[in-house]
Amino acid sequence: MNTTARTSDLSVNAAPNSHEIAFTRTFDAPREAVYALYTDATAIPQWWGPRRFRTVVDELDLRVGGRWRFLNIDSDDNEYGFHGVFHEITLGERIDQTFEFEGAPGHVSLETLRFGQDADGRTRLTGTSVSLSVEARDAIVGSGMEGGLAETYERLEELLAGS
């Protein structure tokens, strides 16, 4: 599977025979603002996940070894849980965490998010998600991950523009 796609300013790349998904997105806001909304339990429900879901932050312990858990809830009150553990945090610059969809237990990915500041004050978010197998990575890509990520980041951009 070789998938490279761009939606607005989102670029997603899943090279053939790789365990990794790489993505980038530039936000028209300073790094501090992007990182603040990314790590604020009261802000996350306003942008995390597709619009058709309501997001609940069940847990957010932003420290090395701390856990996070978010729920997407649809119009029929079905819950879709996601959780992980923080492995490395450089405040304002980087987050390393695990990511697991509770609907597919045991398929854990390791995500690295880097928040870079461009010279013009924009933020370039660069991420990688490494799965345990190529098949697990392909299942994530095939699940609609790119569309969900695009919509999530569009919502984050909207929130940044309004703040």
C-alpha atoms as a PDB file:
ATOM      1  CA  MET A   1       0.000   0.000   0.000  1.00  0.00           C
ATOM      2  CA  ASN A   2       1.468   3.333  -1.025  1.00  0.00           C
ATOM      3  CA  THR A   3      -0.685   6.159   0.108  1.00  0.00           C
ATOM      4  CA  THR A   4       0.305   9.791  -0.111  1.00  0.00           C
ATOM      5  CA  ALA A   5      -2.503  12.270   0.157  1.00  0.00           C
ATOM      6  CA  ARG A   6      -3.025  15.973   0.742  1.00  0.00           C
ATOM      7  CA  THR A   7      -6.189  17.447   2.167  1.00  0.00           C
ATOM      8  CA  SER A   8      -5.993  21.209   2.626  1.00  0.00           C
ATOM      9  CA  ASP A   9      -2.551  21.487   4.178  1.00  0.00           C
ATOM     10  CA  LEU A  10      -2.564  17.936   5.542  1.00  0.00           C
ATOM     11  CA  SER A  11      -0.120  15.472   4.026  1.00  0.00           C
ATOM     12  CA  VAL A  12      -0.365  11.774   4.934  1.00  0.00           C
ATOM     13  CA  ASN A  13       2.149   9.191   3.734  1.00  0.00           C
ATOM     14  CA  ALA A  14       2.029   5.424   4.246  1.00  0.00           C
ATOM     15  CA  ALA A  15       4.859   3.870   2.224  1.00  0.00           C
ATOM     16  CA  PRO A  16       4.582   0.267   1.033  1.00  0.00           C
ATOM     17  CA  ASN A  17       5.773  -2.427   3.452  1.00  0.00           C
ATOM     18  CA  SER A  18       6.290   0.088   6.249  1.00  0.00           C
ATOM     19  CA  HIS A  19       4.912   0.064   9.772  1.00  0.00           C
ATOM     20  CA  GLU A  20       4.741   3.876   9.729  1.00  0.00           C
ATOM     21  CA  ILE A  21       2.264   6.560   8.820  1.00  0.00           C
ATOM     22  CA  ALA A  22       3.791  10.029   8.516  1.00  0.00           C
ATOM     23  CA  PHE A  23       1.723  13.203   8.480  1.00  0.00           C
ATOM     24  CA  THR A  24       2.231  16.952   8.500  1.00  0.00           C
ATOM     25  CA  ARG A  25      -0.110  19.890   8.872  1.00  0.00           C
ATOM     26  CA  THR A  26       0.660  23.597   9.069  1.00  0.00           C
ATOM     27  CA  PHE A  27      -1.487  25.819  11.261  1.00  0.00           C
ATOM     28  CA  ASP A  28      -1.770  29.571  10.894  1.00  0.00           C
ATOM     29  CA  ALA A  29      -0.953  30.154  14.557  1.00  0.00           C
ATOM     30  CA  PRO A  30       2.106  30.218  16.816  1.00  0.00           C
ATOM     31  CA  ARG A  31       3.432  26.964  18.215  1.00  0.00           C
ATOM     32  CA  GLU A  32       2.482  27.893  21.787  1.00  0.00           C
ATOM     33  CA  ALA A  33      -1.179  28.315  20.808  1.00  0.00           C
ATOM     34  CA  VAL A  34      -1.340  25.023  18.891  1.00  0.00           C
ATOM     35  CA  TYR A  35       0.385  23.088  21.674  1.00  0.00           C
ATOM     36  CA  ALA A  36      -1.851  24.705  24.320  1.00  0.00           C
ATOM     37  CA  LEU A  37      -5.065  23.589  22.587  1.00  0.00           C
ATOM     38  CA  TYR A  38      -3.565  20.155  21.878  1.00  0.00           C
ATOM     39  CA  THR A  39      -2.960  19.584  25.586  1.00  0.00           C
ATOM     40  CA  ASP A  40      -5.926  21.368  27.221  1.00  0.00           C
ATOM     41  CA  ALA A  41      -8.631  18.975  28.477  1.00  0.00           C
ATOM     42  CA  THR A  42     -11.287  21.692  28.191  1.00  0.00           C
ATOM     43  CA  ALA A  43     -10.321  22.573  24.595  1.00  0.00           C
ATOM     44  CA  ILE A  44      -9.894  19.046  23.215  1.00  0.00           C
ATOM     45  CA  PRO A  45     -13.655  18.294  22.994  1.00  0.00           C
ATOM     46  CA  GLN A  46     -13.996  21.341  20.742  1.00  0.00           C
ATOM     47  CA  TRP A  47     -11.702  19.963  18.035  1.00  0.00           C
ATOM     48  CA  TRP A  48     -10.727  16.299  18.532  1.00  0.00           C
ATOM     49  CA  GLY A  49     -12.420  13.859  16.160  1.00  0.00           C
ATOM     50  CA  PRO A  50     -14.918  14.214  13.329  1.00  0.00           C
ATOM     51  CA  ARG A  51     -17.808  16.673  13.764  1.00  0.00           C
ATOM     52  CA  ARG A  52     -20.409  13.888  13.811  1.00  0.00           C
ATOM     53  CA  PHE A  53     -19.105  12.835  17.236  1.00  0.00           C
ATOM     54  CA  ARG A  54     -19.180  14.477  20.621  1.00  0.00           C
ATOM     55  CA  THR A  55     -15.785  14.111  22.304  1.00  0.00           C
ATOM     56  CA  VAL A  56     -15.336  13.526  26.022  1.00  0.00           C
ATOM     57  CA  VAL A  57     -11.950  13.682  27.726  1.00  0.00           C
ATOM     58  CA  ASP A  58     -12.165  10.853  30.229  1.00  0.00           C
ATOM     59  CA  GLU A  59      -8.537  11.191  31.330  1.00  0.00           C
ATOM     60  CA  LEU A  60      -5.608  13.469  30.491  1.00  0.00           C
ATOM     61  CA  ASP A  61      -2.543  13.211  32.720  1.00  0.00           C
ATOM     62  CA  LEU A  62       0.054  15.092  30.680  1.00  0.00           C
ATOM     63  CA  ARG A  63       3.297  13.760  32.147  1.00  0.00           C
ATOM     64  CA  VAL A  64       5.694  10.962  31.302  1.00  0.00           C
ATOM     65  CA  GLY A  65       3.894   7.774  32.351  1.00  0.00           C
ATOM     66  CA  GLY A  66       0.563   9.631  32.455  1.00  0.00           C
ATOM     67  CA  ARG A  67      -2.464   8.262  30.673  1.00  0.00           C
ATOM     68  CA  TRP A  68      -4.994   9.753  28.315  1.00  0.00           C
ATOM     69  CA  ARG A  69      -8.411   8.482  27.218  1.00  0.00           C
ATOM     70  CA  PHE A  70     -10.894  10.185  24.906  1.00  0.00           C
ATOM     71  CA  LEU A  71     -14.343   9.024  23.844  1.00  0.00           C
ATOM     72  CA  ASN A  72     -16.122   9.805  20.580  1.00  0.00           C
ATOM     73  CA  ILE A  73     -19.874   9.503  21.102  1.00  0.00           C
ATOM     74  CA  ASP A  74     -22.272   9.333  18.165  1.00  0.00           C
ATOM     75  CA  SER A  75     -25.896  10.498  17.943  1.00  0.00           C
ATOM     76  CA  ASP A  76     -27.122   7.093  19.218  1.00  0.00           C
ATOM     77  CA  ASP A  77     -24.839   7.347  22.291  1.00  0.00           C
ATOM     78  CA  ASN A  78     -22.461   4.669  20.998  1.00  0.00           C
ATOM     79  CA  GLU A  79     -19.008   5.241  22.486  1.00  0.00           C
ATOM     80  CA  TYR A  80     -15.715   4.753  20.664  1.00  0.00           C
ATOM     81  CA  GLY A  81     -12.773   4.908  23.035  1.00  0.00           C
ATOM     82  CA  PHE A  82      -9.151   5.780  22.364  1.00  0.00           C
ATOM     83  CA  HIS A  83      -6.377   5.727  24.938  1.00  0.00           C
ATOM     84  CA  GLY A  84      -2.652   5.706  25.489  1.00  0.00           C
ATOM     85  CA  VAL A  85       0.298   6.532  27.705  1.00  0.00           C
ATOM     86  CA  PHE A  86       2.684   9.473  27.421  1.00  0.00           C
ATOM     87  CA  HIS A  87       6.288   8.328  26.955  1.00  0.00           C
ATOM     88  CA  GLU A  88       8.143  11.590  26.328  1.00  0.00           C
ATOM     89  CA  ILE A  89       7.066  15.196  26.587  1.00  0.00           C
ATOM     90  CA  THR A  90       9.049  18.297  25.713  1.00  0.00           C
ATOM     91  CA  LEU A  91       6.688  21.110  26.660  1.00  0.00           C
ATOM     92  CA  GLY A  92       5.633  23.139  23.654  1.00  0.00           C
ATOM     93  CA  GLU A  93       7.671  21.016  21.244  1.00  0.00           C
ATOM     94  CA  ARG A  94       7.101  17.259  21.311  1.00  0.00           C
ATOM     95  CA  ILE A  95       4.797  14.504  22.549  1.00  0.00           C
ATOM     96  CA  ASP A  96       5.525  10.771  22.302  1.00  0.00           C
ATOM     97  CA  GLN A  97       2.532   8.620  23.222  1.00  0.00           C
ATOM     98  CA  THR A  98       0.891   5.329  22.530  1.00  0.00           C
ATOM     99  CA  PHE A  99      -2.436   5.294  20.725  1.00  0.00           C
ATOM    100  CA  GLU A 100      -4.966   2.476  20.812  1.00  0.00           C
ATOM    101  CA  PHE A 101      -8.510   2.310  19.486  1.00  0.00           C
ATOM    102  CA  GLU A 102     -10.491   0.319  22.027  1.00  0.00           C
ATOM    103  CA  GLY A 103     -12.519  -1.284  19.238  1.00  0.00           C
ATOM    104  CA  ALA A 104      -9.333  -3.070  18.103  1.00  0.00           C
ATOM    105  CA  PRO A 105      -7.551  -3.954  21.355  1.00  0.00           C
ATOM    106  CA  GLY A 106      -3.914  -4.951  21.121  1.00  0.00           C
ATOM    107  CA  HIS A 107      -3.238  -2.831  18.039  1.00  0.00           C
ATOM    108  CA  VAL A 108      -1.113  -0.180  19.722  1.00  0.00           C
ATOM    109  CA  SER A 109       0.741   2.475  17.758  1.00  0.00           C
ATOM    110  CA  LEU A 110       3.556   4.691  18.983  1.00  0.00           C
ATOM    111  CA  GLU A 111       2.986   8.294  17.954  1.00  0.00           C
ATOM    112  CA  THR A 112       5.479  11.127  17.884  1.00  0.00           C
ATOM    113  CA  LEU A 113       4.163  14.657  17.448  1.00  0.00           C
ATOM    114  CA  ARG A 114       6.574  17.543  16.826  1.00  0.00           C
ATOM    115  CA  PHE A 115       5.420  21.155  16.978  1.00  0.00           C
ATOM    116  CA  GLY A 116       7.758  23.332  14.883  1.00  0.00           C
ATOM    117  CA  GLN A 117       7.639  27.107  14.563  1.00  0.00           C
ATOM    118  CA  ASP A 118       8.085  28.542  11.065  1.00  0.00           C
ATOM    119  CA  ALA A 119       9.783  31.903  10.558  1.00  0.00           C
ATOM    120  CA  ASP A 120       6.412  33.471   9.697  1.00  0.00           C
ATOM    121  CA  GLY A 121       4.905  32.417  13.054  1.00  0.00           C
ATOM    122  CA  ARG A 122       2.998  29.442  11.683  1.00  0.00           C
ATOM    123  CA  THR A 123       3.212  26.000  13.303  1.00  0.00           C
ATOM    124  CA  ARG A 124       4.186  22.899  11.393  1.00  0.00           C
ATOM    125  CA  LEU A 125       2.939  19.780  13.157  1.00  0.00           C
ATOM    126  CA  THR A 126       4.852  16.688  12.064  1.00  0.00           C
ATOM    127  CA  GLY A 127       3.712  13.297  13.237  1.00  0.00           C
ATOM    128  CA  THR A 128       4.583   9.664  12.865  1.00  0.00           C
ATOM    129  CA  SER A 129       2.539   6.688  13.959  1.00  0.00           C
ATOM    130  CA  VAL A 130       4.340   3.346  14.058  1.00  0.00           C
ATOM    131  CA  SER A 131       2.255   0.159  14.245  1.00  0.00           C
ATOM    132  CA  LEU A 132       3.290  -3.304  15.373  1.00  0.00           C
ATOM    133  CA  SER A 133       2.876  -4.692  11.849  1.00  0.00           C
ATOM    134  CA  VAL A 134       2.365  -3.566   8.268  1.00  0.00           C
ATOM    135  CA  GLU A 135      -1.088  -5.201   8.379  1.00  0.00           C
ATOM    136  CA  ALA A 136      -2.065  -3.206  11.477  1.00  0.00           C
ATOM    137  CA  ARG A 137      -0.823  -0.011   9.846  1.00  0.00           C
ATOM    138  CA  ASP A 138      -2.777  -0.814   6.664  1.00  0.00           C
ATOM    139  CA  ALA A 139      -5.927  -1.404   8.727  1.00  0.00           C
ATOM    140  CA  ILE A 140      -5.543   2.045  10.298  1.00  0.00           C
ATOM    141  CA  VAL A 141      -5.115   3.668   6.892  1.00  0.00           C
ATOM    142  CA  GLY A 142      -8.086   1.687   5.544  1.00  0.00           C
ATOM    143  CA  SER A 143     -10.308   2.722   8.457  1.00  0.00           C
ATOM    144  CA  GLY A 144     -10.640   6.280   7.200  1.00  0.00           C
ATOM    145  CA  MET A 145      -7.875   7.648   9.403  1.00  0.00           C
ATOM    146  CA  GLU A 146      -6.906  10.309   6.873  1.00  0.00           C
ATOM    147  CA  GLY A 147     -10.400  11.775   6.610  1.00  0.00           C
ATOM    148  CA  GLY A 148     -10.816  11.786  10.380  1.00  0.00           C
ATOM    149  CA  LEU A 149      -7.427  13.445  10.843  1.00  0.00           C
ATOM    150  CA  ALA A 150      -8.209  16.045   8.179  1.00  0.00           C
ATOM    151  CA  GLU A 151     -11.505  16.954   9.825  1.00  0.00           C
ATOM    152  CA  THR A 152      -9.923  16.995  13.281  1.00  0.00           C
ATOM    153  CA  TYR A 153      -7.196  19.396  12.148  1.00  0.00           C
ATOM    154  CA  GLU A 154      -9.714  21.588  10.291  1.00  0.00           C
ATOM    155  CA  ARG A 155     -11.602  21.920  13.569  1.00  0.00           C
ATOM    156  CA  LEU A 156      -8.380  22.748  15.419  1.00  0.00           C
ATOM    157  CA  GLU A 157      -7.553  25.428  12.806  1.00  0.00           C
ATOM    158  CA  GLU A 158     -11.043  26.922  13.287  1.00  0.00           C
ATOM    159  CA  LEU A 159     -10.594  27.028  17.050  1.00  0.00           C
ATOM    160  CA  LEU A 160      -7.185  28.653  16.658  1.00  0.00           C
ATOM    161  CA  ALA A 161      -8.661  31.304  14.354  1.00  0.00           C
ATOM    162  CA  GLY A 162     -11.333  32.116  16.931  1.00  0.00           C
ATOM    163  CA  SER A 163      -8.940  32.356  19.889  1.00  0.00           C
END
